[in-house]
Amino acid sequence: MDGFHLSNEALVDLGRRQRKGAWDTFDVAGFVALLQRLRSREDEVVWAPAFDRSVETAVAGAVPVPRAVPLVVTEGNYLLHDAAGWERVRPLLDEVWFVDVAPAERVRRLVGRRTSDGEPAEQAQAWVRDVDMANADVVERSAGRADLLVTLVADHDEDHDARAAGGTA
């Protein structure tokens, strides 16, 4: 789904660059059209976009999906969102799983991703606090529409580490 981010230039023009990643910063109609083409299986190959994190932009026609592919897995925060065109996504998917991550772990992972791309820690923390967590609130409200809820456990859980080492927590 990240291949459907609007370009940074378009987001600046729309006054949304400071909230990139919010539900209204994607080409939802384009994503719906891609899903419709994949479901119809009329085309020999459907070319999907990718997202290049090194330049923070979508790349059109980067992922070939041949008709013979028996299963297509997509991911994205707004697959279950029920407004602004996103409500057209769910009927095009056979099954949707919601992956739930504890807020503290979500923050840790998001800040880590941003800093691993070279962003200063303070700037990354501010973005996650001010933008990503607001988006997470929107996403979490859709969890009840999922076919399956998968709860992830932090991979750096000190209590778990102590138990695994034979200690107590």
N, C-alpha and C. Protein backbone atom coordinates (compact mmCIF):
# COMPACT_ATOMS: atom_id res chain seq x y z
N MET A 1 0.82 -1.20 0.00
CA MET A 1 0.00 0.00 0.00
C MET A 1 0.86 1.25 0.00
N ASP A 2 2.07 1.19 0.56
CA ASP A 2 2.91 2.39 0.62
C ASP A 2 3.23 2.94 -0.77
N GLY A 3 3.14 2.09 -1.79
CA GLY A 3 3.35 2.57 -3.15
C GLY A 3 2.30 3.57 -3.59
N PHE A 4 1.27 3.73 -2.80
CA PHE A 4 0.20 4.68 -3.13
C PHE A 4 0.26 5.95 -2.30
N HIS A 5 1.40 6.18 -1.62
CA HIS A 5 1.62 7.48 -0.98
C HIS A 5 1.58 8.55 -2.07
N LEU A 6 0.93 9.65 -1.80
CA LEU A 6 1.03 10.79 -2.71
C LEU A 6 2.46 11.32 -2.63
N SER A 7 2.93 11.92 -3.70
CA SER A 7 4.29 12.44 -3.71
C SER A 7 4.43 13.57 -2.68
N ASN A 8 5.65 13.78 -2.23
CA ASN A 8 5.89 14.87 -1.28
C ASN A 8 5.46 16.21 -1.86
N GLU A 9 5.68 16.39 -3.15
CA GLU A 9 5.28 17.65 -3.80
C GLU A 9 3.76 17.82 -3.77
N ALA A 10 3.04 16.75 -4.06
CA ALA A 10 1.57 16.82 -4.00
C ALA A 10 1.11 17.09 -2.58
N LEU A 11 1.76 16.45 -1.61
CA LEU A 11 1.38 16.67 -0.21
C LEU A 11 1.63 18.10 0.22
N VAL A 12 2.72 18.69 -0.25
CA VAL A 12 2.99 20.11 0.05
C VAL A 12 1.89 20.97 -0.54
N ASP A 13 1.54 20.71 -1.81
CA ASP A 13 0.48 21.48 -2.47
C ASP A 13 -0.85 21.36 -1.73
N LEU A 14 -1.13 20.19 -1.18
CA LEU A 14 -2.38 19.95 -0.46
C LEU A 14 -2.33 20.38 1.01
N GLY A 15 -1.14 20.80 1.47
CA GLY A 15 -0.98 21.19 2.86
C GLY A 15 -0.97 20.01 3.82
N ARG A 16 -0.54 18.83 3.33
CA ARG A 16 -0.57 17.61 4.15
C ARG A 16 0.81 16.99 4.37
N ARG A 17 1.86 17.62 3.88
CA ARG A 17 3.20 17.00 3.98
C ARG A 17 3.58 16.71 5.42
N GLN A 18 3.17 17.57 6.33
CA GLN A 18 3.53 17.41 7.74
C GLN A 18 2.78 16.26 8.40
N ARG A 19 1.88 15.58 7.65
CA ARG A 19 1.14 14.44 8.18
C ARG A 19 1.24 13.22 7.26
N LYS A 20 2.30 13.14 6.49
CA LYS A 20 2.46 12.02 5.56
C LYS A 20 2.27 10.71 6.30
N GLY A 21 1.42 9.85 5.74
CA GLY A 21 1.09 8.58 6.38
C GLY A 21 -0.34 8.55 6.90
N ALA A 22 -0.98 9.73 6.98
CA ALA A 22 -2.38 9.79 7.39
C ALA A 22 -3.25 9.24 6.26
N TRP A 23 -4.47 8.85 6.58
CA TRP A 23 -5.37 8.21 5.61
C TRP A 23 -5.58 9.05 4.35
N ASP A 24 -5.51 10.36 4.46
CA ASP A 24 -5.77 11.22 3.31
C ASP A 24 -4.50 11.64 2.58
N THR A 25 -3.41 10.92 2.79
CA THR A 25 -2.16 11.21 2.08
C THR A 25 -1.80 10.09 1.10
N PHE A 26 -2.79 9.26 0.79
CA PHE A 26 -2.62 8.16 -0.15
C PHE A 26 -3.58 8.32 -1.32
N ASP A 27 -3.25 7.70 -2.44
CA ASP A 27 -4.15 7.60 -3.59
C ASP A 27 -5.00 6.36 -3.39
N VAL A 28 -6.05 6.49 -2.58
CA VAL A 28 -6.89 5.33 -2.27
C VAL A 28 -7.59 4.82 -3.53
N ALA A 29 -8.00 5.71 -4.42
CA ALA A 29 -8.66 5.26 -5.65
C ALA A 29 -7.71 4.42 -6.50
N GLY A 30 -6.44 4.80 -6.53
CA GLY A 30 -5.45 4.01 -7.26
C GLY A 30 -5.24 2.64 -6.63
N PHE A 31 -5.23 2.60 -5.30
CA PHE A 31 -5.08 1.33 -4.60
C PHE A 31 -6.28 0.43 -4.87
N VAL A 32 -7.48 0.99 -4.83
CA VAL A 32 -8.69 0.23 -5.14
C VAL A 32 -8.62 -0.31 -6.56
N ALA A 33 -8.19 0.52 -7.50
CA ALA A 33 -8.09 0.09 -8.90
C ALA A 33 -7.10 -1.07 -9.04
N LEU A 34 -5.98 -1.01 -8.33
CA LEU A 34 -5.03 -2.11 -8.36
C LEU A 34 -5.66 -3.39 -7.83
N LEU A 35 -6.34 -3.31 -6.70
CA LEU A 35 -6.98 -4.49 -6.13
C LEU A 35 -8.03 -5.07 -7.08
N GLN A 36 -8.78 -4.19 -7.74
CA GLN A 36 -9.79 -4.67 -8.70
C GLN A 36 -9.12 -5.40 -9.86
N ARG A 37 -8.03 -4.85 -10.36
CA ARG A 37 -7.32 -5.50 -11.46
C ARG A 37 -6.76 -6.85 -11.03
N LEU A 38 -6.22 -6.92 -9.82
CA LEU A 38 -5.68 -8.18 -9.34
C LEU A 38 -6.77 -9.23 -9.18
N ARG A 39 -7.92 -8.83 -8.67
CA ARG A 39 -9.04 -9.77 -8.47
C ARG A 39 -9.63 -10.25 -9.80
N SER A 40 -9.67 -9.36 -10.78
CA SER A 40 -10.30 -9.73 -12.05
C SER A 40 -9.49 -10.78 -12.81
N ARG A 41 -8.19 -10.81 -12.60
CA ARG A 41 -7.28 -11.76 -13.25
C ARG A 41 -7.39 -11.69 -14.78
N GLU A 42 -7.76 -10.53 -15.31
CA GLU A 42 -7.87 -10.35 -16.76
C GLU A 42 -6.52 -10.09 -17.41
N ASP A 43 -5.62 -9.40 -16.70
CA ASP A 43 -4.33 -9.03 -17.26
C ASP A 43 -3.31 -10.14 -17.02
N GLU A 44 -2.45 -10.36 -18.00
CA GLU A 44 -1.37 -11.35 -17.86
C GLU A 44 -0.46 -10.98 -16.69
N VAL A 45 -0.16 -9.68 -16.57
CA VAL A 45 0.67 -9.16 -15.49
C VAL A 45 0.08 -7.83 -15.05
N VAL A 46 -0.02 -7.63 -13.76
CA VAL A 46 -0.40 -6.33 -13.20
C VAL A 46 0.84 -5.79 -12.51
N TRP A 47 1.18 -4.55 -12.84
CA TRP A 47 2.36 -3.92 -12.26
C TRP A 47 1.93 -3.04 -11.09
N ALA A 48 2.42 -3.38 -9.91
CA ALA A 48 2.10 -2.63 -8.71
C ALA A 48 3.25 -1.69 -8.37
N PRO A 49 2.96 -0.62 -7.67
CA PRO A 49 4.04 0.28 -7.25
C PRO A 49 4.75 -0.25 -6.01
N ALA A 50 5.91 0.29 -5.76
CA ALA A 50 6.67 0.00 -4.53
C ALA A 50 6.92 1.33 -3.84
N PHE A 51 7.50 1.27 -2.66
CA PHE A 51 7.88 2.50 -1.95
C PHE A 51 9.36 2.42 -1.63
N ASP A 52 10.10 3.42 -2.06
CA ASP A 52 11.54 3.47 -1.85
C ASP A 52 11.83 4.35 -0.63
N ARG A 53 12.14 3.73 0.49
CA ARG A 53 12.39 4.47 1.73
C ARG A 53 13.63 5.35 1.63
N SER A 54 14.58 4.99 0.78
CA SER A 54 15.80 5.78 0.69
C SER A 54 15.53 7.19 0.16
N VAL A 55 14.47 7.34 -0.61
CA VAL A 55 14.10 8.67 -1.12
C VAL A 55 12.67 9.05 -0.71
N GLU A 56 12.04 8.19 0.11
CA GLU A 56 10.69 8.45 0.64
C GLU A 56 9.68 8.78 -0.46
N THR A 57 9.65 7.91 -1.47
CA THR A 57 8.71 8.14 -2.56
C THR A 57 8.24 6.83 -3.17
N ALA A 58 7.06 6.89 -3.76
CA ALA A 58 6.49 5.73 -4.46
C ALA A 58 7.17 5.58 -5.82
N VAL A 59 7.29 4.34 -6.26
CA VAL A 59 7.88 4.03 -7.55
C VAL A 59 6.85 3.23 -8.34
N ALA A 60 6.31 3.83 -9.38
CA ALA A 60 5.27 3.18 -10.18
C ALA A 60 5.83 1.98 -10.94
N GLY A 61 4.96 0.99 -11.15
CA GLY A 61 5.30 -0.15 -11.99
C GLY A 61 6.54 -0.91 -11.56
N ALA A 62 6.75 -1.09 -10.26
CA ALA A 62 7.97 -1.71 -9.77
C ALA A 62 7.83 -3.18 -9.42
N VAL A 63 6.58 -3.65 -9.21
CA VAL A 63 6.38 -5.02 -8.75
C VAL A 63 5.45 -5.75 -9.72
N PRO A 64 5.98 -6.70 -10.49
CA PRO A 64 5.12 -7.46 -11.39
C PRO A 64 4.33 -8.52 -10.62
N VAL A 65 3.05 -8.61 -10.90
CA VAL A 65 2.22 -9.65 -10.29
C VAL A 65 1.58 -10.43 -11.44
N PRO A 66 2.19 -11.56 -11.83
CA PRO A 66 1.64 -12.36 -12.92
C PRO A 66 0.28 -12.97 -12.54
N ARG A 67 -0.55 -13.16 -13.52
CA ARG A 67 -1.88 -13.76 -13.30
C ARG A 67 -1.78 -15.11 -12.60
N ALA A 68 -0.71 -15.84 -12.82
CA ALA A 68 -0.55 -17.18 -12.24
C ALA A 68 -0.30 -17.17 -10.73
N VAL A 69 -0.02 -16.02 -10.17
CA VAL A 69 0.22 -15.95 -8.72
C VAL A 69 -1.07 -16.32 -8.00
N PRO A 70 -1.02 -17.36 -7.14
CA PRO A 70 -2.25 -17.85 -6.51
C PRO A 70 -2.70 -17.04 -5.29
N LEU A 71 -1.79 -16.28 -4.69
CA LEU A 71 -2.12 -15.54 -3.47
C LEU A 71 -1.40 -14.21 -3.49
N VAL A 72 -2.14 -13.16 -3.24
CA VAL A 72 -1.56 -11.83 -3.13
C VAL A 72 -1.80 -11.34 -1.71
N VAL A 73 -0.73 -10.94 -1.06
CA VAL A 73 -0.83 -10.40 0.29
C VAL A 73 -0.52 -8.91 0.21
N THR A 74 -1.40 -8.13 0.78
CA THR A 74 -1.17 -6.69 0.85
C THR A 74 -1.17 -6.31 2.31
N GLU A 75 -0.57 -5.18 2.61
CA GLU A 75 -0.58 -4.70 3.98
C GLU A 75 -0.82 -3.20 3.94
N GLY A 76 -1.25 -2.69 5.05
CA GLY A 76 -1.45 -1.25 5.15
C GLY A 76 -2.30 -0.89 6.34
N ASN A 77 -2.09 0.29 6.82
CA ASN A 77 -2.80 0.75 8.01
C ASN A 77 -4.30 0.94 7.82
N TYR A 78 -4.72 1.25 6.62
CA TYR A 78 -6.10 1.70 6.44
C TYR A 78 -6.98 0.70 5.68
N LEU A 79 -6.57 -0.55 5.62
CA LEU A 79 -7.34 -1.56 4.89
C LEU A 79 -8.75 -1.72 5.45
N LEU A 80 -8.94 -1.41 6.71
CA LEU A 80 -10.26 -1.55 7.35
C LEU A 80 -10.91 -0.20 7.64
N HIS A 81 -10.27 0.88 7.24
CA HIS A 81 -10.83 2.22 7.47
C HIS A 81 -12.15 2.33 6.72
N ASP A 82 -13.12 2.98 7.29
CA ASP A 82 -14.47 2.97 6.71
C ASP A 82 -14.93 4.32 6.19
N ALA A 83 -13.99 5.16 5.74
CA ALA A 83 -14.37 6.48 5.24
C ALA A 83 -13.44 6.91 4.11
N ALA A 84 -13.86 7.93 3.40
CA ALA A 84 -13.04 8.64 2.40
C ALA A 84 -12.49 7.73 1.29
N GLY A 85 -13.28 6.75 0.88
CA GLY A 85 -12.87 5.85 -0.19
C GLY A 85 -12.26 4.55 0.31
N TRP A 86 -11.74 4.55 1.52
CA TRP A 86 -11.14 3.33 2.07
C TRP A 86 -12.17 2.23 2.29
N GLU A 87 -13.43 2.59 2.45
CA GLU A 87 -14.47 1.58 2.64
C GLU A 87 -14.62 0.69 1.41
N ARG A 88 -14.06 1.10 0.28
CA ARG A 88 -14.11 0.29 -0.94
C ARG A 88 -13.03 -0.79 -0.96
N VAL A 89 -12.07 -0.72 -0.03
CA VAL A 89 -10.97 -1.68 0.00
C VAL A 89 -11.41 -3.02 0.56
N ARG A 90 -12.05 -3.03 1.71
CA ARG A 90 -12.37 -4.27 2.42
C ARG A 90 -13.11 -5.29 1.57
N PRO A 91 -14.12 -4.88 0.78
CA PRO A 91 -14.83 -5.88 -0.04
C PRO A 91 -13.95 -6.55 -1.11
N LEU A 92 -12.79 -5.97 -1.39
CA LEU A 92 -11.90 -6.53 -2.40
C LEU A 92 -10.88 -7.51 -1.81
N LEU A 93 -10.91 -7.68 -0.50
CA LEU A 93 -9.97 -8.56 0.18
C LEU A 93 -10.71 -9.77 0.74
N ASP A 94 -10.15 -10.94 0.55
CA ASP A 94 -10.78 -12.16 1.06
C ASP A 94 -10.74 -12.21 2.58
N GLU A 95 -9.65 -11.74 3.14
CA GLU A 95 -9.47 -11.83 4.58
C GLU A 95 -8.56 -10.69 5.02
N VAL A 96 -8.83 -10.13 6.19
CA VAL A 96 -7.97 -9.08 6.73
C VAL A 96 -7.62 -9.43 8.17
N TRP A 97 -6.33 -9.42 8.43
CA TRP A 97 -5.83 -9.63 9.78
C TRP A 97 -5.36 -8.30 10.33
N PHE A 98 -5.70 -8.04 11.58
CA PHE A 98 -5.25 -6.82 12.24
C PHE A 98 -4.12 -7.20 13.19
N VAL A 99 -2.97 -6.58 13.00
CA VAL A 99 -1.82 -6.85 13.86
C VAL A 99 -1.77 -5.76 14.92
N ASP A 100 -1.98 -6.17 16.16
CA ASP A 100 -2.01 -5.25 17.28
C ASP A 100 -0.65 -5.27 17.98
N VAL A 101 -0.12 -4.09 18.18
CA VAL A 101 1.17 -3.93 18.85
C VAL A 101 0.96 -2.95 20.00
N ALA A 102 1.49 -3.26 21.16
CA ALA A 102 1.37 -2.37 22.31
C ALA A 102 1.94 -1.00 21.95
N PRO A 103 1.31 0.07 22.42
CA PRO A 103 1.77 1.41 22.06
C PRO A 103 3.25 1.67 22.30
N ALA A 104 3.79 1.24 23.42
CA ALA A 104 5.21 1.49 23.70
C ALA A 104 6.09 0.78 22.68
N GLU A 105 5.72 -0.44 22.31
CA GLU A 105 6.49 -1.18 21.31
C GLU A 105 6.35 -0.53 19.94
N ARG A 106 5.15 -0.07 19.63
CA ARG A 106 4.93 0.62 18.35
C ARG A 106 5.84 1.84 18.26
N VAL A 107 5.89 2.63 19.33
CA VAL A 107 6.74 3.83 19.35
C VAL A 107 8.20 3.43 19.16
N ARG A 108 8.63 2.42 19.90
CA ARG A 108 10.02 1.97 19.80
C ARG A 108 10.37 1.58 18.37
N ARG A 109 9.49 0.82 17.73
CA ARG A 109 9.76 0.37 16.36
C ARG A 109 9.74 1.52 15.37
N LEU A 110 8.77 2.41 15.50
CA LEU A 110 8.67 3.53 14.57
C LEU A 110 9.86 4.48 14.70
N VAL A 111 10.23 4.80 15.93
CA VAL A 111 11.40 5.67 16.13
C VAL A 111 12.64 4.96 15.59
N GLY A 112 12.76 3.67 15.86
CA GLY A 112 13.91 2.92 15.36
C GLY A 112 14.00 2.91 13.85
N ARG A 113 12.87 2.77 13.18
CA ARG A 113 12.88 2.78 11.72
C ARG A 113 13.34 4.14 11.20
N ARG A 114 12.84 5.20 11.81
CA ARG A 114 13.19 6.54 11.34
C ARG A 114 14.67 6.84 11.62
N THR A 115 15.15 6.48 12.80
CA THR A 115 16.56 6.77 13.10
C THR A 115 17.49 5.89 12.28
N SER A 116 17.06 4.67 11.95
CA SER A 116 17.92 3.80 11.12
C SER A 116 18.05 4.36 9.70
N ASP A 117 17.12 5.22 9.32
CA ASP A 117 17.21 5.88 8.01
C ASP A 117 17.99 7.18 8.10
N GLY A 118 18.58 7.46 9.30
CA GLY A 118 19.44 8.63 9.43
C GLY A 118 18.78 9.86 10.05
N GLU A 119 17.53 9.74 10.44
CA GLU A 119 16.85 10.89 11.05
C GLU A 119 17.33 11.07 12.49
N PRO A 120 17.60 12.30 12.92
CA PRO A 120 18.00 12.52 14.32
C PRO A 120 16.92 12.02 15.29
N ALA A 121 17.33 11.49 16.43
CA ALA A 121 16.42 10.87 17.38
C ALA A 121 15.31 11.82 17.84
N GLU A 122 15.64 13.05 18.16
CA GLU A 122 14.61 14.00 18.63
C GLU A 122 13.56 14.26 17.56
N GLN A 123 14.01 14.40 16.33
CA GLN A 123 13.09 14.62 15.22
C GLN A 123 12.21 13.39 15.00
N ALA A 124 12.81 12.22 15.06
CA ALA A 124 12.06 10.97 14.89
C ALA A 124 11.01 10.82 15.98
N GLN A 125 11.40 11.08 17.22
CA GLN A 125 10.47 10.97 18.34
C GLN A 125 9.31 11.95 18.20
N ALA A 126 9.60 13.15 17.75
CA ALA A 126 8.54 14.16 17.56
C ALA A 126 7.57 13.72 16.47
N TRP A 127 8.09 13.19 15.36
CA TRP A 127 7.23 12.73 14.26
C TRP A 127 6.31 11.59 14.74
N VAL A 128 6.90 10.64 15.42
CA VAL A 128 6.12 9.50 15.91
C VAL A 128 5.04 9.98 16.88
N ARG A 129 5.42 10.86 17.81
CA ARG A 129 4.46 11.37 18.79
C ARG A 129 3.34 12.18 18.13
N ASP A 130 3.70 13.06 17.20
CA ASP A 130 2.73 14.01 16.65
C ASP A 130 1.98 13.51 15.43
N VAL A 131 2.57 12.60 14.67
CA VAL A 131 1.95 12.14 13.42
C VAL A 131 1.57 10.66 13.51
N ASP A 132 2.55 9.82 13.72
CA ASP A 132 2.28 8.37 13.68
C ASP A 132 1.29 7.92 14.74
N MET A 133 1.35 8.46 15.93
CA MET A 133 0.44 8.02 16.98
C MET A 133 -1.00 8.49 16.70
N ALA A 134 -1.16 9.65 16.09
CA ALA A 134 -2.51 10.09 15.68
C ALA A 134 -3.06 9.15 14.62
N ASN A 135 -2.21 8.72 13.69
CA ASN A 135 -2.63 7.76 12.67
C ASN A 135 -2.99 6.43 13.32
N ALA A 136 -2.21 6.02 14.31
CA ALA A 136 -2.47 4.75 15.01
C ALA A 136 -3.84 4.76 15.67
N ASP A 137 -4.24 5.92 16.19
CA ASP A 137 -5.57 6.01 16.80
C ASP A 137 -6.67 5.74 15.77
N VAL A 138 -6.51 6.28 14.56
CA VAL A 138 -7.47 6.04 13.49
C VAL A 138 -7.49 4.56 13.13
N VAL A 139 -6.33 3.97 13.00
CA VAL A 139 -6.20 2.57 12.61
C VAL A 139 -6.81 1.65 13.67
N GLU A 140 -6.53 1.90 14.92
CA GLU A 140 -7.03 1.04 16.00
C GLU A 140 -8.55 1.02 16.07
N ARG A 141 -9.19 2.11 15.67
CA ARG A 141 -10.67 2.15 15.69
C ARG A 141 -11.27 1.16 14.70
N SER A 142 -10.47 0.68 13.74
CA SER A 142 -11.00 -0.25 12.74
C SER A 142 -10.74 -1.71 13.09
N ALA A 143 -10.08 -1.99 14.17
CA ALA A 143 -9.68 -3.36 14.52
C ALA A 143 -10.85 -4.32 14.59
N GLY A 144 -12.00 -3.85 15.03
CA GLY A 144 -13.17 -4.72 15.16
C GLY A 144 -13.70 -5.25 13.85
N ARG A 145 -13.28 -4.70 12.73
CA ARG A 145 -13.74 -5.16 11.42
C ARG A 145 -12.83 -6.25 10.84
N ALA A 146 -11.79 -6.61 11.56
CA ALA A 146 -10.83 -7.62 11.07
C ALA A 146 -11.39 -9.02 11.22
N ASP A 147 -10.93 -9.91 10.36
CA ASP A 147 -11.27 -11.32 10.46
C ASP A 147 -10.50 -12.00 11.58
N LEU A 148 -9.30 -11.52 11.83
CA LEU A 148 -8.44 -12.11 12.85
C LEU A 148 -7.63 -11.00 13.49
N LEU A 149 -7.54 -11.02 14.81
CA LEU A 149 -6.70 -10.08 15.56
C LEU A 149 -5.46 -10.83 16.02
N VAL A 150 -4.30 -10.35 15.61
CA VAL A 150 -3.02 -10.95 15.98
C VAL A 150 -2.32 -9.96 16.90
N THR A 151 -2.03 -10.39 18.12
CA THR A 151 -1.36 -9.51 19.07
C THR A 151 0.11 -9.88 19.11
N LEU A 152 0.96 -8.91 18.79
CA LEU A 152 2.40 -9.14 18.82
C LEU A 152 2.94 -8.84 20.21
N VAL A 153 3.90 -9.63 20.61
CA VAL A 153 4.57 -9.42 21.88
C VAL A 153 5.92 -8.79 21.59
N ALA A 154 6.31 -7.81 22.38
CA ALA A 154 7.59 -7.12 22.17
C ALA A 154 8.73 -8.13 22.13
N ASP A 155 9.63 -7.93 21.19
CA ASP A 155 10.75 -8.86 21.07
C ASP A 155 11.91 -8.51 22.00
N HIS A 156 11.74 -7.49 22.78
CA HIS A 156 12.79 -7.10 23.73
C HIS A 156 12.26 -7.10 25.17
N ASP A 157 11.28 -7.93 25.43
CA ASP A 157 10.62 -8.01 26.72
C ASP A 157 11.59 -8.52 27.78
N GLU A 158 11.98 -7.65 28.72
CA GLU A 158 12.96 -8.03 29.74
C GLU A 158 12.43 -9.14 30.63
N ASP A 159 11.11 -9.13 30.93
CA ASP A 159 10.54 -10.20 31.74
C ASP A 159 10.70 -11.54 31.04
N HIS A 160 10.41 -11.56 29.74
CA HIS A 160 10.56 -12.79 28.96
C HIS A 160 12.01 -13.23 28.94
N ASP A 161 12.92 -12.26 28.73
CA ASP A 161 14.34 -12.59 28.70
C ASP A 161 14.78 -13.22 30.02
N ALA A 162 14.30 -12.68 31.15
CA ALA A 162 14.67 -13.23 32.46
C ALA A 162 14.12 -14.64 32.63
N ARG A 163 12.88 -14.88 32.22
CA ARG A 163 12.28 -16.21 32.33
C ARG A 163 13.03 -17.20 31.45
N ALA A 164 13.36 -16.78 30.24
CA ALA A 164 14.06 -17.68 29.31
C ALA A 164 15.44 -18.05 29.85
N ALA A 165 16.05 -17.16 30.62
CA ALA A 165 17.38 -17.42 31.17
C ALA A 165 17.31 -18.17 32.50
N GLY A 166 16.09 -18.52 32.92
CA GLY A 166 15.93 -19.27 34.16
C GLY A 166 15.73 -18.42 35.38
N GLY A 167 15.61 -17.12 35.19
CA GLY A 167 15.41 -16.21 36.32
C GLY A 167 13.93 -15.99 36.57
N THR A 168 13.61 -15.05 37.41
CA THR A 168 12.22 -14.70 37.67
C THR A 168 12.00 -13.27 37.24
N ALA A 169 10.76 -12.99 37.01
CA ALA A 169 10.43 -11.62 36.58
C ALA A 169 9.29 -11.11 37.43
